[in-house]
Amino acid sequence: MIAKGIVGKKGELFPPKEIRDKLGLKSGDEVVYRVENSKLIIEPVPDILTAIKMPKFAKTTVKEFHAERQQLAKEVAER
């Protein structure tokens, strides 16, 4: 699906209703923004119950998870 949206005066992103509906996004929902190859990718953050039901795609130890989380937190704090 491709659709146009706008950027507000304060930098807010306003995806069109058809995109919000397709992703199930509602006011106040959290999303993750990331940039890949000069493209902005926006993904909804699943609630914990949805996340638990999602297929598992990687095997990570708790220690590895915490190390990755700390690294991401450090990168975010530096911005």
N, C-alpha and C. Protein backbone atom coordinates (compact mmCIF):
# COMPACT_ATOMS: atom_id res chain seq x y z
N MET A 1 0.84 -1.18 0.00
CA MET A 1 0.00 0.00 0.00
C MET A 1 0.89 1.24 0.00
N ILE A 2 0.56 2.18 -0.82
CA ILE A 2 1.27 3.45 -0.88
C ILE A 2 0.24 4.55 -0.71
N ALA A 3 0.53 5.51 0.15
CA ALA A 3 -0.38 6.63 0.36
C ALA A 3 0.44 7.84 0.79
N LYS A 4 -0.08 9.02 0.52
CA LYS A 4 0.58 10.26 0.91
C LYS A 4 0.09 10.69 2.28
N GLY A 5 0.99 11.29 3.04
CA GLY A 5 0.65 11.90 4.31
C GLY A 5 1.29 13.27 4.35
N ILE A 6 1.17 13.93 5.50
CA ILE A 6 1.78 15.25 5.61
C ILE A 6 2.61 15.32 6.89
N VAL A 7 3.50 16.31 6.91
CA VAL A 7 4.28 16.62 8.10
C VAL A 7 3.76 17.95 8.62
N GLY A 8 3.41 17.97 9.92
CA GLY A 8 2.86 19.18 10.52
C GLY A 8 3.93 20.23 10.79
N LYS A 9 3.47 21.40 11.25
CA LYS A 9 4.36 22.52 11.51
C LYS A 9 5.41 22.21 12.56
N LYS A 10 5.10 21.30 13.50
CA LYS A 10 6.04 20.95 14.57
C LYS A 10 6.75 19.63 14.27
N GLY A 11 6.66 19.17 13.02
CA GLY A 11 7.33 17.93 12.64
C GLY A 11 6.50 16.68 12.88
N GLU A 12 5.21 16.84 13.25
CA GLU A 12 4.37 15.67 13.48
C GLU A 12 4.13 14.95 12.16
N LEU A 13 4.04 13.64 12.24
CA LEU A 13 3.74 12.85 11.05
C LEU A 13 2.27 12.45 11.09
N PHE A 14 1.58 12.64 9.98
CA PHE A 14 0.17 12.33 9.91
C PHE A 14 -0.09 11.31 8.81
N PRO A 15 0.00 10.01 9.15
CA PRO A 15 -0.30 9.01 8.12
C PRO A 15 -1.80 9.03 7.81
N PRO A 16 -2.17 8.76 6.57
CA PRO A 16 -3.58 8.77 6.19
C PRO A 16 -4.38 7.69 6.94
N LYS A 17 -5.67 7.92 7.02
CA LYS A 17 -6.56 7.02 7.75
C LYS A 17 -6.46 5.58 7.24
N GLU A 18 -6.36 5.41 5.93
CA GLU A 18 -6.30 4.05 5.39
C GLU A 18 -5.08 3.29 5.90
N ILE A 19 -3.96 3.98 6.09
CA ILE A 19 -2.75 3.35 6.64
C ILE A 19 -2.97 3.03 8.12
N ARG A 20 -3.49 4.00 8.88
CA ARG A 20 -3.76 3.77 10.31
C ARG A 20 -4.71 2.60 10.50
N ASP A 21 -5.74 2.54 9.67
CA ASP A 21 -6.71 1.44 9.77
C ASP A 21 -6.06 0.10 9.45
N LYS A 22 -5.26 0.06 8.41
CA LYS A 22 -4.60 -1.20 8.01
C LYS A 22 -3.68 -1.71 9.12
N LEU A 23 -3.00 -0.78 9.82
CA LEU A 23 -2.10 -1.17 10.91
C LEU A 23 -2.80 -1.28 12.26
N GLY A 24 -4.07 -0.87 12.30
CA GLY A 24 -4.81 -0.92 13.56
C GLY A 24 -4.34 0.13 14.55
N LEU A 25 -3.82 1.25 14.06
CA LEU A 25 -3.31 2.31 14.93
C LEU A 25 -4.44 3.20 15.43
N LYS A 26 -4.41 3.47 16.72
CA LYS A 26 -5.37 4.37 17.34
C LYS A 26 -4.61 5.48 18.04
N SER A 27 -5.30 6.55 18.36
CA SER A 27 -4.69 7.66 19.08
C SER A 27 -4.03 7.16 20.35
N GLY A 28 -2.79 7.55 20.57
CA GLY A 28 -2.06 7.15 21.77
C GLY A 28 -1.25 5.87 21.63
N ASP A 29 -1.43 5.12 20.53
CA ASP A 29 -0.64 3.91 20.32
C ASP A 29 0.83 4.28 20.13
N GLU A 30 1.71 3.39 20.54
CA GLU A 30 3.14 3.61 20.37
C GLU A 30 3.60 3.00 19.05
N VAL A 31 4.57 3.67 18.43
CA VAL A 31 5.18 3.18 17.20
C VAL A 31 6.69 3.29 17.33
N VAL A 32 7.39 2.52 16.52
CA VAL A 32 8.85 2.57 16.46
C VAL A 32 9.23 3.17 15.11
N TYR A 33 10.13 4.14 15.13
CA TYR A 33 10.63 4.76 13.90
C TYR A 33 12.06 4.26 13.68
N ARG A 34 12.36 3.88 12.45
CA ARG A 34 13.74 3.54 12.12
C ARG A 34 14.02 3.94 10.68
N VAL A 35 15.27 4.16 10.39
CA VAL A 35 15.68 4.55 9.05
C VAL A 35 16.52 3.44 8.47
N GLU A 36 16.14 3.00 7.27
CA GLU A 36 16.90 1.98 6.54
C GLU A 36 17.05 2.45 5.10
N ASN A 37 18.27 2.57 4.65
CA ASN A 37 18.55 2.98 3.26
C ASN A 37 17.78 4.25 2.89
N SER A 38 17.86 5.26 3.73
CA SER A 38 17.22 6.56 3.51
C SER A 38 15.70 6.48 3.47
N LYS A 39 15.12 5.43 4.04
CA LYS A 39 13.66 5.29 4.11
C LYS A 39 13.23 5.26 5.56
N LEU A 40 12.16 5.98 5.86
CA LEU A 40 11.60 5.97 7.20
C LEU A 40 10.62 4.81 7.31
N ILE A 41 10.83 3.96 8.30
CA ILE A 41 9.95 2.82 8.53
C ILE A 41 9.29 3.02 9.89
N ILE A 42 7.97 2.92 9.91
CA ILE A 42 7.20 3.10 11.14
C ILE A 42 6.45 1.81 11.40
N GLU A 43 6.65 1.24 12.59
CA GLU A 43 5.98 0.00 12.95
C GLU A 43 5.28 0.15 14.28
N PRO A 44 4.08 -0.42 14.40
CA PRO A 44 3.40 -0.37 15.69
C PRO A 44 4.13 -1.22 16.71
N VAL A 45 4.11 -0.78 17.96
CA VAL A 45 4.67 -1.55 19.06
C VAL A 45 3.55 -2.44 19.58
N PRO A 46 3.70 -3.76 19.49
CA PRO A 46 2.61 -4.63 19.95
C PRO A 46 2.48 -4.61 21.46
N ASP A 47 1.24 -4.80 21.93
CA ASP A 47 1.06 -4.94 23.37
C ASP A 47 1.64 -6.28 23.80
N ILE A 48 1.83 -6.46 25.07
CA ILE A 48 2.53 -7.66 25.58
C ILE A 48 1.82 -8.96 25.20
N LEU A 49 0.49 -8.98 25.23
CA LEU A 49 -0.23 -10.20 24.88
C LEU A 49 -0.04 -10.56 23.41
N THR A 50 -0.06 -9.57 22.55
CA THR A 50 0.17 -9.80 21.12
C THR A 50 1.60 -10.27 20.90
N ALA A 51 2.55 -9.64 21.58
CA ALA A 51 3.96 -10.00 21.42
C ALA A 51 4.22 -11.44 21.84
N ILE A 52 3.58 -11.88 22.90
CA ILE A 52 3.77 -13.25 23.38
C ILE A 52 3.28 -14.25 22.34
N LYS A 53 2.21 -13.91 21.64
CA LYS A 53 1.62 -14.83 20.65
C LYS A 53 2.35 -14.82 19.31
N MET A 54 3.23 -13.83 19.10
CA MET A 54 3.94 -13.73 17.82
C MET A 54 4.92 -14.88 17.66
N PRO A 55 5.16 -15.30 16.41
CA PRO A 55 6.12 -16.38 16.19
C PRO A 55 7.52 -15.97 16.65
N LYS A 56 8.21 -16.90 17.22
CA LYS A 56 9.58 -16.65 17.68
C LYS A 56 10.51 -16.82 16.50
N PHE A 57 11.41 -15.86 16.31
CA PHE A 57 12.30 -15.91 15.15
C PHE A 57 13.77 -15.94 15.52
N ALA A 58 14.08 -15.81 16.80
CA ALA A 58 15.49 -15.81 17.19
C ALA A 58 15.63 -16.40 18.58
N LYS A 59 16.77 -16.97 18.82
CA LYS A 59 17.06 -17.48 20.16
C LYS A 59 18.10 -16.56 20.78
N THR A 60 17.70 -15.89 21.83
CA THR A 60 18.56 -14.92 22.50
C THR A 60 18.55 -15.22 23.99
N THR A 61 19.70 -15.18 24.59
CA THR A 61 19.76 -15.37 26.03
C THR A 61 19.33 -14.09 26.73
N VAL A 62 18.95 -14.20 27.97
CA VAL A 62 18.57 -13.02 28.76
C VAL A 62 19.74 -12.05 28.83
N LYS A 63 20.94 -12.58 28.99
CA LYS A 63 22.13 -11.74 29.06
C LYS A 63 22.32 -10.96 27.76
N GLU A 64 22.16 -11.62 26.61
CA GLU A 64 22.29 -10.96 25.32
C GLU A 64 21.19 -9.89 25.14
N PHE A 65 19.98 -10.21 25.58
CA PHE A 65 18.87 -9.28 25.48
C PHE A 65 19.17 -8.00 26.26
N HIS A 66 19.62 -8.15 27.50
CA HIS A 66 19.92 -6.99 28.34
C HIS A 66 21.07 -6.16 27.76
N ALA A 67 22.07 -6.81 27.21
CA ALA A 67 23.18 -6.08 26.59
C ALA A 67 22.70 -5.28 25.39
N GLU A 68 21.88 -5.88 24.56
CA GLU A 68 21.33 -5.18 23.39
C GLU A 68 20.44 -4.02 23.82
N ARG A 69 19.63 -4.24 24.83
CA ARG A 69 18.74 -3.19 25.33
C ARG A 69 19.54 -2.01 25.88
N GLN A 70 20.61 -2.29 26.61
CA GLN A 70 21.46 -1.22 27.13
C GLN A 70 22.12 -0.44 26.00
N GLN A 71 22.56 -1.14 24.96
CA GLN A 71 23.18 -0.48 23.82
C GLN A 71 22.18 0.43 23.12
N LEU A 72 20.95 -0.05 22.91
CA LEU A 72 19.93 0.77 22.27
C LEU A 72 19.59 1.99 23.13
N ALA A 73 19.48 1.81 24.43
CA ALA A 73 19.19 2.92 25.33
C ALA A 73 20.30 3.97 25.26
N LYS A 74 21.55 3.50 25.17
CA LYS A 74 22.69 4.42 25.08
C LYS A 74 22.62 5.21 23.77
N GLU A 75 22.30 4.54 22.66
CA GLU A 75 22.19 5.22 21.37
C GLU A 75 21.09 6.26 21.37
N VAL A 76 19.96 5.94 21.97
CA VAL A 76 18.84 6.87 22.04
C VAL A 76 19.21 8.07 22.91
N ALA A 77 19.90 7.83 24.02
CA ALA A 77 20.28 8.91 24.94
C ALA A 77 21.28 9.87 24.30
N GLU A 78 22.10 9.38 23.38
CA GLU A 78 23.11 10.21 22.73
C GLU A 78 22.52 11.14 21.67
N ARG A 79 21.29 10.92 21.29
CA ARG A 79 20.67 11.73 20.22
C ARG A 79 20.14 12.99 20.75
